[in-house]
Amino acid sequence: MLNILGWLVIGLLAGWIASMIMGRGGYGIVGDIVVGLIGAVIGGFIAALLFGGDWTTGFNLSTLIVSIVGAIILIAIVRALTGSRARV
C-alpha cells in the first residue's frame, strides 16, 4: 500500500513540476498524477537505455528527476501531435 501511495505522490509532484516547466499551469490533481506516472515510465525507460540499471525504484530524488523528464517529454509529444497546448 505504501508503494502505491509513494508512486502517486511522485506522480503528482512530477506531473505538476513538468506542467509548470512546460507552461500553462497544471492539469488538476488527477491529470498531474497521470502525466507524472506515465512520465515515470517514459523517463525510467530512457534512463535505463542511456545509463543502465533501474532508475525508478524507491522514493528518492533520482526517481523524481527521471519522472519529471519523462513527463516533460510526454507533454511535448502530446502538444506536438495536437498542434496546440491541449490538456493531457
PDB file of N, CA and C in Angstrom:
ATOM      1  N   MET A   1       0.821  -1.198   0.000  1.00  0.00           N
ATOM      2  CA  MET A   1       0.000   0.000   0.000  1.00  0.00           C
ATOM      3  C   MET A   1       0.864   1.261   0.000  1.00  0.00           C
ATOM      4  N   LEU A   2       1.963   1.240   0.742  1.00  0.00           N
ATOM      5  CA  LEU A   2       2.838   2.415   0.780  1.00  0.00           C
ATOM      6  C   LEU A   2       3.520   2.646  -0.560  1.00  0.00           C
ATOM      7  N   ASN A   3       3.831   1.581  -1.303  1.00  0.00           N
ATOM      8  CA  ASN A   3       4.431   1.756  -2.619  1.00  0.00           C
ATOM      9  C   ASN A   3       3.484   2.492  -3.558  1.00  0.00           C
ATOM     10  N   ILE A   4       2.215   2.124  -3.519  1.00  0.00           N
ATOM     11  CA  ILE A   4       1.226   2.796  -4.368  1.00  0.00           C
ATOM     12  C   ILE A   4       1.107   4.257  -3.972  1.00  0.00           C
ATOM     13  N   LEU A   5       1.062   4.529  -2.694  1.00  0.00           N
ATOM     14  CA  LEU A   5       0.980   5.908  -2.215  1.00  0.00           C
ATOM     15  C   LEU A   5       2.223   6.697  -2.627  1.00  0.00           C
ATOM     16  N   GLY A   6       3.394   6.083  -2.515  1.00  0.00           N
ATOM     17  CA  GLY A   6       4.637   6.730  -2.936  1.00  0.00           C
ATOM     18  C   GLY A   6       4.633   7.067  -4.413  1.00  0.00           C
ATOM     19  N   TRP A   7       4.167   6.124  -5.248  1.00  0.00           N
ATOM     20  CA  TRP A   7       4.100   6.384  -6.689  1.00  0.00           C
ATOM     21  C   TRP A   7       3.108   7.498  -7.010  1.00  0.00           C
ATOM     22  N   LEU A   8       1.985   7.537  -6.280  1.00  0.00           N
ATOM     23  CA  LEU A   8       1.021   8.609  -6.511  1.00  0.00           C
ATOM     24  C   LEU A   8       1.604   9.968  -6.145  1.00  0.00           C
ATOM     25  N   VAL A   9       2.352  10.027  -5.049  1.00  0.00           N
ATOM     26  CA  VAL A   9       2.984  11.286  -4.640  1.00  0.00           C
ATOM     27  C   VAL A   9       4.040  11.702  -5.666  1.00  0.00           C
ATOM     28  N   ILE A  10       4.890  10.754  -6.071  1.00  0.00           N
ATOM     29  CA  ILE A  10       5.899  11.057  -7.105  1.00  0.00           C
ATOM     30  C   ILE A  10       5.214  11.494  -8.390  1.00  0.00           C
ATOM     31  N   GLY A  11       4.154  10.791  -8.781  1.00  0.00           N
ATOM     32  CA  GLY A  11       3.425  11.151 -10.000  1.00  0.00           C
ATOM     33  C   GLY A  11       2.837  12.544  -9.920  1.00  0.00           C
ATOM     34  N   LEU A  12       2.247  12.870  -8.779  1.00  0.00           N
ATOM     35  CA  LEU A  12       1.660  14.198  -8.599  1.00  0.00           C
ATOM     36  C   LEU A  12       2.733  15.278  -8.683  1.00  0.00           C
ATOM     37  N   LEU A  13       3.820  15.095  -7.954  1.00  0.00           N
ATOM     38  CA  LEU A  13       4.903  16.089  -7.967  1.00  0.00           C
ATOM     39  C   LEU A  13       5.516  16.222  -9.360  1.00  0.00           C
ATOM     40  N   ALA A  14       5.828  15.091  -9.984  1.00  0.00           N
ATOM     41  CA  ALA A  14       6.470  15.129 -11.302  1.00  0.00           C
ATOM     42  C   ALA A  14       5.558  15.757 -12.342  1.00  0.00           C
ATOM     43  N   GLY A  15       4.291  15.374 -12.343  1.00  0.00           N
ATOM     44  CA  GLY A  15       3.344  15.943 -13.307  1.00  0.00           C
ATOM     45  C   GLY A  15       3.150  17.434 -13.111  1.00  0.00           C
ATOM     46  N   TRP A  16       3.043  17.852 -11.848  1.00  0.00           N
ATOM     47  CA  TRP A  16       2.846  19.273 -11.566  1.00  0.00           C
ATOM     48  C   TRP A  16       4.081  20.084 -11.956  1.00  0.00           C
ATOM     49  N   ILE A  17       5.266  19.606 -11.567  1.00  0.00           N
ATOM     50  CA  ILE A  17       6.503  20.326 -11.894  1.00  0.00           C
ATOM     51  C   ILE A  17       6.699  20.389 -13.400  1.00  0.00           C
ATOM     52  N   ALA A  18       6.469  19.272 -14.095  1.00  0.00           N
ATOM     53  CA  ALA A  18       6.628  19.254 -15.551  1.00  0.00           C
ATOM     54  C   ALA A  18       5.651  20.201 -16.223  1.00  0.00           C
ATOM     55  N   SER A  19       4.410  20.242 -15.753  1.00  0.00           N
ATOM     56  CA  SER A  19       3.442  21.142 -16.369  1.00  0.00           C
ATOM     57  C   SER A  19       3.778  22.606 -16.086  1.00  0.00           C
ATOM     58  N   MET A  20       4.379  22.893 -14.939  1.00  0.00           N
ATOM     59  CA  MET A  20       4.825  24.256 -14.655  1.00  0.00           C
ATOM     60  C   MET A  20       6.003  24.634 -15.561  1.00  0.00           C
ATOM     61  N   ILE A  21       6.919  23.705 -15.772  1.00  0.00           N
ATOM     62  CA  ILE A  21       8.071  23.966 -16.647  1.00  0.00           C
ATOM     63  C   ILE A  21       7.606  24.191 -18.082  1.00  0.00           C
ATOM     64  N   MET A  22       6.633  23.404 -18.521  1.00  0.00           N
ATOM     65  CA  MET A  22       6.158  23.495 -19.901  1.00  0.00           C
ATOM     66  C   MET A  22       5.168  24.645 -20.113  1.00  0.00           C
ATOM     67  N   GLY A  23       4.709  25.255 -19.035  1.00  0.00           N
ATOM     68  CA  GLY A  23       3.812  26.403 -19.154  1.00  0.00           C
ATOM     69  C   GLY A  23       2.345  26.021 -19.094  1.00  0.00           C
ATOM     70  N   ARG A  24       1.515  27.013 -18.869  1.00  0.00           N
ATOM     71  CA  ARG A  24       0.062  26.904 -18.815  1.00  0.00           C
ATOM     72  C   ARG A  24      -0.473  26.186 -17.597  1.00  0.00           C
ATOM     73  N   GLY A  25       0.283  26.054 -16.556  1.00  0.00           N
ATOM     74  CA  GLY A  25      -0.230  25.505 -15.309  1.00  0.00           C
ATOM     75  C   GLY A  25      -0.420  24.009 -15.322  1.00  0.00           C
ATOM     76  N   GLY A  26      -0.988  23.525 -14.244  1.00  0.00           N
ATOM     77  CA  GLY A  26      -1.171  22.094 -14.072  1.00  0.00           C
ATOM     78  C   GLY A  26      -2.402  21.562 -14.781  1.00  0.00           C
ATOM     79  N   TYR A  27      -2.586  20.263 -14.686  1.00  0.00           N
ATOM     80  CA  TYR A  27      -3.712  19.579 -15.311  1.00  0.00           C
ATOM     81  C   TYR A  27      -4.707  19.091 -14.272  1.00  0.00           C
ATOM     82  N   GLY A  28      -4.662  19.637 -13.079  1.00  0.00           N
ATOM     83  CA  GLY A  28      -5.501  19.156 -11.996  1.00  0.00           C
ATOM     84  C   GLY A  28      -4.806  17.996 -11.297  1.00  0.00           C
ATOM     85  N   ILE A  29      -5.303  17.617 -10.151  1.00  0.00           N
ATOM     86  CA  ILE A  29      -4.633  16.581  -9.366  1.00  0.00           C
ATOM     87  C   ILE A  29      -4.566  15.264 -10.130  1.00  0.00           C
ATOM     88  N   VAL A  30      -5.677  14.816 -10.670  1.00  0.00           N
ATOM     89  CA  VAL A  30      -5.699  13.539 -11.381  1.00  0.00           C
ATOM     90  C   VAL A  30      -4.842  13.614 -12.644  1.00  0.00           C
ATOM     91  N   GLY A  31      -4.967  14.690 -13.389  1.00  0.00           N
ATOM     92  CA  GLY A  31      -4.175  14.851 -14.605  1.00  0.00           C
ATOM     93  C   GLY A  31      -2.684  14.891 -14.324  1.00  0.00           C
ATOM     94  N   ASP A  32      -2.282  15.607 -13.266  1.00  0.00           N
ATOM     95  CA  ASP A  32      -0.868  15.670 -12.903  1.00  0.00           C
ATOM     96  C   ASP A  32      -0.339  14.301 -12.484  1.00  0.00           C
ATOM     97  N   ILE A  33      -1.164  13.532 -11.755  1.00  0.00           N
ATOM     98  CA  ILE A  33      -0.740  12.193 -11.360  1.00  0.00           C
ATOM     99  C   ILE A  33      -0.565  11.306 -12.584  1.00  0.00           C
ATOM    100  N   VAL A  34      -1.511  11.367 -13.514  1.00  0.00           N
ATOM    101  CA  VAL A  34      -1.425  10.548 -14.728  1.00  0.00           C
ATOM    102  C   VAL A  34      -0.196  10.932 -15.553  1.00  0.00           C
ATOM    103  N   VAL A  35       0.007  12.229 -15.762  1.00  0.00           N
ATOM    104  CA  VAL A  35       1.175  12.690 -16.514  1.00  0.00           C
ATOM    105  C   VAL A  35       2.460  12.262 -15.806  1.00  0.00           C
ATOM    106  N   GLY A  36       2.499  12.401 -14.495  1.00  0.00           N
ATOM    107  CA  GLY A  36       3.689  12.019 -13.735  1.00  0.00           C
ATOM    108  C   GLY A  36       3.964  10.529 -13.773  1.00  0.00           C
ATOM    109  N   LEU A  37       2.927   9.707 -13.647  1.00  0.00           N
ATOM    110  CA  LEU A  37       3.120   8.260 -13.666  1.00  0.00           C
ATOM    111  C   LEU A  37       3.556   7.763 -15.046  1.00  0.00           C
ATOM    112  N   ILE A  38       2.906   8.263 -16.087  1.00  0.00           N
ATOM    113  CA  ILE A  38       3.334   7.889 -17.437  1.00  0.00           C
ATOM    114  C   ILE A  38       4.732   8.446 -17.698  1.00  0.00           C
ATOM    115  N   GLY A  39       5.001   9.645 -17.207  1.00  0.00           N
ATOM    116  CA  GLY A  39       6.341  10.228 -17.328  1.00  0.00           C
ATOM    117  C   GLY A  39       7.393   9.401 -16.632  1.00  0.00           C
ATOM    118  N   ALA A  40       7.036   8.810 -15.487  1.00  0.00           N
ATOM    119  CA  ALA A  40       7.979   7.944 -14.771  1.00  0.00           C
ATOM    120  C   ALA A  40       8.344   6.730 -15.604  1.00  0.00           C
ATOM    121  N   VAL A  41       7.366   6.167 -16.287  1.00  0.00           N
ATOM    122  CA  VAL A  41       7.634   5.015 -17.146  1.00  0.00           C
ATOM    123  C   VAL A  41       8.526   5.421 -18.318  1.00  0.00           C
ATOM    124  N   ILE A  42       8.186   6.527 -18.971  1.00  0.00           N
ATOM    125  CA  ILE A  42       8.977   7.013 -20.103  1.00  0.00           C
ATOM    126  C   ILE A  42      10.390   7.366 -19.650  1.00  0.00           C
ATOM    127  N   GLY A  43      10.492   8.142 -18.584  1.00  0.00           N
ATOM    128  CA  GLY A  43      11.799   8.552 -18.075  1.00  0.00           C
ATOM    129  C   GLY A  43      12.634   7.377 -17.606  1.00  0.00           C
ATOM    130  N   GLY A  44      11.999   6.411 -16.933  1.00  0.00           N
ATOM    131  CA  GLY A  44      12.713   5.222 -16.474  1.00  0.00           C
ATOM    132  C   GLY A  44      13.245   4.400 -17.629  1.00  0.00           C
ATOM    133  N   PHE A  45      12.454   4.276 -18.682  1.00  0.00           N
ATOM    134  CA  PHE A  45      12.883   3.535 -19.870  1.00  0.00           C
ATOM    135  C   PHE A  45      14.076   4.218 -20.533  1.00  0.00           C
ATOM    136  N   ILE A  46      13.996   5.536 -20.703  1.00  0.00           N
ATOM    137  CA  ILE A  46      15.085   6.285 -21.333  1.00  0.00           C
ATOM    138  C   ILE A  46      16.346   6.250 -20.469  1.00  0.00           C
ATOM    139  N   ALA A  47      16.190   6.431 -19.151  1.00  0.00           N
ATOM    140  CA  ALA A  47      17.348   6.403 -18.250  1.00  0.00           C
ATOM    141  C   ALA A  47      18.008   5.029 -18.254  1.00  0.00           C
ATOM    142  N   ALA A  48      17.208   3.962 -18.295  1.00  0.00           N
ATOM    143  CA  ALA A  48      17.769   2.616 -18.335  1.00  0.00           C
ATOM    144  C   ALA A  48      18.529   2.380 -19.632  1.00  0.00           C
ATOM    145  N   LEU A  49      18.012   2.909 -20.742  1.00  0.00           N
ATOM    146  CA  LEU A  49      18.711   2.770 -22.022  1.00  0.00           C
ATOM    147  C   LEU A  49      20.025   3.542 -22.037  1.00  0.00           C
ATOM    148  N   LEU A  50      20.007   4.749 -21.495  1.00  0.00           N
ATOM    149  CA  LEU A  50      21.193   5.598 -21.532  1.00  0.00           C
ATOM    150  C   LEU A  50      22.241   5.219 -20.499  1.00  0.00           C
ATOM    151  N   PHE A  51      21.797   4.916 -19.285  1.00  0.00           N
ATOM    152  CA  PHE A  51      22.730   4.728 -18.178  1.00  0.00           C
ATOM    153  C   PHE A  51      22.755   3.316 -17.613  1.00  0.00           C
ATOM    154  N   GLY A  52      21.817   2.477 -18.012  1.00  0.00           N
ATOM    155  CA  GLY A  52      21.730   1.131 -17.467  1.00  0.00           C
ATOM    156  C   GLY A  52      21.158   1.148 -16.074  1.00  0.00           C
ATOM    157  N   GLY A  53      20.749   0.013 -15.603  1.00  0.00           N
ATOM    158  CA  GLY A  53      20.221  -0.085 -14.247  1.00  0.00           C
ATOM    159  C   GLY A  53      18.775   0.331 -14.156  1.00  0.00           C
ATOM    160  N   ASP A  54      18.257   0.321 -12.952  1.00  0.00           N
ATOM    161  CA  ASP A  54      16.869   0.683 -12.690  1.00  0.00           C
ATOM    162  C   ASP A  54      16.834   2.027 -11.976  1.00  0.00           C
ATOM    163  N   TRP A  55      16.359   3.047 -12.662  1.00  0.00           N
ATOM    164  CA  TRP A  55      16.351   4.413 -12.136  1.00  0.00           C
ATOM    165  C   TRP A  55      15.033   4.797 -11.501  1.00  0.00           C
ATOM    166  N   THR A  56      14.098   3.900 -11.453  1.00  0.00           N
ATOM    167  CA  THR A  56      12.779   4.265 -10.928  1.00  0.00           C
ATOM    168  C   THR A  56      12.382   3.374  -9.765  1.00  0.00           C
ATOM    169  N   THR A  57      13.291   3.141  -8.851  1.00  0.00           N
ATOM    170  CA  THR A  57      12.945   2.363  -7.663  1.00  0.00           C
ATOM    171  C   THR A  57      13.044   3.252  -6.434  1.00  0.00           C
ATOM    172  N   GLY A  58      12.074   3.131  -5.581  1.00  0.00           N
ATOM    173  CA  GLY A  58      12.112   3.876  -4.338  1.00  0.00           C
ATOM    174  C   GLY A  58      11.610   5.296  -4.480  1.00  0.00           C
ATOM    175  N   PHE A  59      11.558   5.944  -3.361  1.00  0.00           N
ATOM    176  CA  PHE A  59      11.078   7.321  -3.271  1.00  0.00           C
ATOM    177  C   PHE A  59      12.295   8.188  -2.992  1.00  0.00           C
ATOM    178  N   ASN A  60      12.943   8.676  -4.051  1.00  0.00           N
ATOM    179  CA  ASN A  60      14.149   9.473  -3.877  1.00  0.00           C
ATOM    180  C   ASN A  60      14.240  10.538  -4.964  1.00  0.00           C
ATOM    181  N   LEU A  61      15.274  11.340  -4.895  1.00  0.00           N
ATOM    182  CA  LEU A  61      15.434  12.456  -5.825  1.00  0.00           C
ATOM    183  C   LEU A  61      15.632  11.992  -7.260  1.00  0.00           C
ATOM    184  N   SER A  62      16.399  10.926  -7.466  1.00  0.00           N
ATOM    185  CA  SER A  62      16.625  10.466  -8.836  1.00  0.00           C
ATOM    186  C   SER A  62      15.326   9.980  -9.476  1.00  0.00           C
ATOM    187  N   THR A  63      14.467   9.344  -8.700  1.00  0.00           N
ATOM    188  CA  THR A  63      13.171   8.912  -9.221  1.00  0.00           C
ATOM    189  C   THR A  63      12.334  10.115  -9.622  1.00  0.00           C
ATOM    190  N   LEU A  64      12.334  11.145  -8.809  1.00  0.00           N
ATOM    191  CA  LEU A  64      11.572  12.350  -9.118  1.00  0.00           C
ATOM    192  C   LEU A  64      12.104  13.030 -10.374  1.00  0.00           C
ATOM    193  N   ILE A  65      13.415  13.148 -10.500  1.00  0.00           N
ATOM    194  CA  ILE A  65      14.014  13.799 -11.671  1.00  0.00           C
ATOM    195  C   ILE A  65      13.704  13.023 -12.944  1.00  0.00           C
ATOM    196  N   VAL A  66      13.862  11.701 -12.897  1.00  0.00           N
ATOM    197  CA  VAL A  66      13.558  10.868 -14.062  1.00  0.00           C
ATOM    198  C   VAL A  66      12.091  11.003 -14.435  1.00  0.00           C
ATOM    199  N   SER A  67      11.207  11.042 -13.449  1.00  0.00           N
ATOM    200  CA  SER A  67       9.777  11.187 -13.701  1.00  0.00           C
ATOM    201  C   SER A  67       9.450  12.545 -14.311  1.00  0.00           C
ATOM    202  N   ILE A  68      10.096  13.588 -13.843  1.00  0.00           N
ATOM    203  CA  ILE A  68       9.865  14.931 -14.396  1.00  0.00           C
ATOM    204  C   ILE A  68      10.305  14.988 -15.851  1.00  0.00           C
ATOM    205  N   VAL A  69      11.485  14.450 -16.142  1.00  0.00           N
ATOM    206  CA  VAL A  69      11.981  14.450 -17.525  1.00  0.00           C
ATOM    207  C   VAL A  69      11.019  13.676 -18.434  1.00  0.00           C
ATOM    208  N   GLY A  70      10.567  12.520 -17.971  1.00  0.00           N
ATOM    209  CA  GLY A  70       9.612  11.741 -18.746  1.00  0.00           C
ATOM    210  C   GLY A  70       8.301  12.466 -18.951  1.00  0.00           C
ATOM    211  N   ALA A  71       7.811  13.154 -17.920  1.00  0.00           N
ATOM    212  CA  ALA A  71       6.562  13.902 -18.027  1.00  0.00           C
ATOM    213  C   ALA A  71       6.702  15.078 -18.993  1.00  0.00           C
ATOM    214  N   ILE A  72       7.856  15.735 -18.991  1.00  0.00           N
ATOM    215  CA  ILE A  72       8.099  16.830 -19.943  1.00  0.00           C
ATOM    216  C   ILE A  72       8.071  16.287 -21.365  1.00  0.00           C
ATOM    217  N   ILE A  73       8.698  15.132 -21.577  1.00  0.00           N
ATOM    218  CA  ILE A  73       8.689  14.509 -22.902  1.00  0.00           C
ATOM    219  C   ILE A  73       7.258  14.177 -23.315  1.00  0.00           C
ATOM    220  N   LEU A  74       6.467  13.626 -22.392  1.00  0.00           N
ATOM    221  CA  LEU A  74       5.071  13.292 -22.687  1.00  0.00           C
ATOM    222  C   LEU A  74       4.271  14.531 -23.062  1.00  0.00           C
ATOM    223  N   ILE A  75       4.396  15.587 -22.293  1.00  0.00           N
ATOM    224  CA  ILE A  75       3.666  16.822 -22.588  1.00  0.00           C
ATOM    225  C   ILE A  75       4.077  17.383 -23.955  1.00  0.00           C
ATOM    226  N   ALA A  76       5.377  17.360 -24.249  1.00  0.00           N
ATOM    227  CA  ALA A  76       5.860  17.860 -25.540  1.00  0.00           C
ATOM    228  C   ALA A  76       5.295  17.031 -26.697  1.00  0.00           C
ATOM    229  N   ILE A  77       5.238  15.707 -26.540  1.00  0.00           N
ATOM    230  CA  ILE A  77       4.703  14.842 -27.597  1.00  0.00           C
ATOM    231  C   ILE A  77       3.212  15.115 -27.812  1.00  0.00           C
ATOM    232  N   VAL A  78       2.465  15.221 -26.718  1.00  0.00           N
ATOM    233  CA  VAL A  78       1.028  15.483 -26.836  1.00  0.00           C
ATOM    234  C   VAL A  78       0.788  16.828 -27.509  1.00  0.00           C
ATOM    235  N   ARG A  79       1.540  17.825 -27.133  1.00  0.00           N
ATOM    236  CA  ARG A  79       1.363  19.153 -27.747  1.00  0.00           C
ATOM    237  C   ARG A  79       1.773  19.150 -29.212  1.00  0.00           C
ATOM    238  N   ALA A  80       2.804  18.386 -29.570  1.00  0.00           N
ATOM    239  CA  ALA A  80       3.226  18.306 -30.967  1.00  0.00           C
ATOM    240  C   ALA A  80       2.169  17.591 -31.811  1.00  0.00           C
ATOM    241  N   LEU A  81       1.561  16.549 -31.263  1.00  0.00           N
ATOM    242  CA  LEU A  81       0.556  15.790 -32.008  1.00  0.00           C
ATOM    243  C   LEU A  81      -0.751  16.540 -32.149  1.00  0.00           C
ATOM    244  N   THR A  82      -1.115  17.319 -31.137  1.00  0.00           N
ATOM    245  CA  THR A  82      -2.378  18.051 -31.201  1.00  0.00           C
ATOM    246  C   THR A  82      -2.220  19.404 -31.870  1.00  0.00           C
ATOM    247  N   GLY A  83      -0.990  19.883 -32.005  1.00  0.00           N
ATOM    248  CA  GLY A  83      -0.767  21.165 -32.639  1.00  0.00           C
ATOM    249  C   GLY A  83      -1.130  22.346 -31.758  1.00  0.00           C
ATOM    250  N   SER A  84      -1.398  22.085 -30.513  1.00  0.00           N
ATOM    251  CA  SER A  84      -1.753  23.163 -29.585  1.00  0.00           C
ATOM    252  C   SER A  84      -1.327  22.773 -28.201  1.00  0.00           C
ATOM    253  N   ARG A  85      -1.661  23.612 -27.256  1.00  0.00           N
ATOM    254  CA  ARG A  85      -1.349  23.329 -25.868  1.00  0.00           C
ATOM    255  C   ARG A  85      -2.549  22.637 -25.212  1.00  0.00           C
ATOM    256  N   ALA A  86      -2.960  21.553 -25.813  1.00  0.00           N
ATOM    257  CA  ALA A  86      -4.123  20.818 -25.299  1.00  0.00           C
ATOM    258  C   ALA A  86      -3.787  20.140 -23.985  1.00  0.00           C
ATOM    259  N   ARG A  87      -4.812  19.928 -23.196  1.00  0.00           N
ATOM    260  CA  ARG A  87      -4.629  19.245 -21.919  1.00  0.00           C
ATOM    261  C   ARG A  87      -4.470  17.759 -22.167  1.00  0.00           C
ATOM    262  N   VAL A  88      -3.664  17.130 -21.310  1.00  0.00           N
ATOM    263  CA  VAL A  88      -3.446  15.676 -21.411  1.00  0.00           C
ATOM    264  C   VAL A  88      -4.602  14.967 -20.770  1.00  0.00           C
TER     265      VAL A  88
END
